[in-house]
Protein backbone atom coordinates (compact mmCIF):
# COMPACT_ATOMS: atom_id res chain seq x y z
CA UNK A 1 0.00 0.00 0.00
CA UNK A 2 1.18 3.51 -0.77
CA UNK A 3 2.34 5.70 2.08
CA UNK A 4 0.38 8.79 3.00
CA UNK A 5 2.04 12.19 3.15
CA UNK A 6 2.07 12.04 6.95
CA UNK A 7 3.58 8.56 6.99
CA UNK A 8 6.26 9.64 4.54
CA UNK A 9 7.15 12.65 6.68
CA UNK A 10 7.45 10.44 9.78
CA UNK A 11 9.43 7.80 7.88
CA UNK A 12 12.22 10.30 7.23
CA UNK A 13 12.64 10.79 10.99
CA UNK A 14 12.78 7.10 11.89
CA UNK A 15 16.54 6.72 11.28
CA UNK A 16 17.20 9.50 13.79
CA UNK A 17 17.42 9.15 17.55
CA UNK A 18 14.44 11.46 18.06
CA UNK A 19 11.56 10.19 20.19
CA UNK A 20 7.95 10.28 18.99
CA UNK A 21 7.43 13.39 21.12
CA UNK A 22 10.46 15.11 19.55
CA UNK A 23 9.35 14.18 16.03
CA UNK A 24 5.91 15.55 16.86
CA UNK A 25 7.45 18.88 17.85
CA UNK A 26 9.45 18.99 14.61
CA UNK A 27 6.35 18.32 12.50
CA UNK A 28 3.94 20.42 14.63
CA UNK A 29 1.58 17.50 15.33
CA UNK A 30 0.73 15.48 18.43
CA UNK A 31 2.81 12.56 19.68
CA UNK A 32 -0.27 10.37 19.20
CA UNK A 33 -0.33 11.31 15.51
CA UNK A 34 3.31 10.24 15.20
CA UNK A 35 2.58 6.93 16.93
CA UNK A 36 -0.37 6.31 14.60
CA UNK A 37 1.77 7.00 11.53
CA UNK A 38 4.50 4.73 12.92
CA UNK A 39 2.00 1.92 13.50
CA UNK A 40 0.71 2.23 9.92
CA UNK A 41 4.27 2.34 8.57
CA UNK A 42 5.18 -0.83 10.45
CA UNK A 43 2.10 -2.57 9.04
CA UNK A 44 2.75 -1.44 5.48
CA UNK A 45 6.44 -2.36 5.65
CA UNK A 46 5.85 -5.63 7.50
CA UNK A 47 8.10 -4.44 10.33
CA UNK A 48 7.96 -5.09 14.07
CA UNK A 49 10.40 -2.39 15.18
CA UNK A 50 11.67 1.02 14.24
CA UNK A 51 15.01 -0.40 13.08
CA UNK A 52 13.32 -3.04 10.97
CA UNK A 53 11.05 -0.40 9.41
CA UNK A 54 14.10 1.70 8.48
CA UNK A 55 15.86 -1.34 7.03
CA UNK A 56 12.86 -2.33 4.90
CA UNK A 57 12.24 1.26 3.77
CA UNK A 58 15.87 1.49 2.62
CA UNK A 59 15.58 -1.84 0.80
CA UNK A 60 12.49 -0.51 -1.01
CA UNK A 61 14.20 2.76 -1.92
CA UNK A 62 11.92 4.82 0.32
CA UNK A 63 14.90 6.07 2.35
CA UNK A 64 18.47 6.81 1.37
CA UNK A 65 20.98 4.11 2.19
CA UNK A 66 22.74 4.36 5.51
CA UNK A 67 26.02 6.26 5.40
CA UNK A 68 29.07 4.02 5.40
CA UNK A 69 31.16 3.99 8.55
CA UNK A 70 34.93 3.90 8.23
């Protein structure tokens, strides 16, 4: 299923260390809205965790690849 605009906006914050509350502040929405978008993202990506969602989104080309560490 296609991602909504809100889900896409939240997806770009998932690789960060920001909490749902901090992401909510950045996007000027409630923490509950962020949690709802995260839940839908996990369902659509078949993920059970934030890390797994990021990994699957990168594999699908929805997020840029992780920077290489030297």
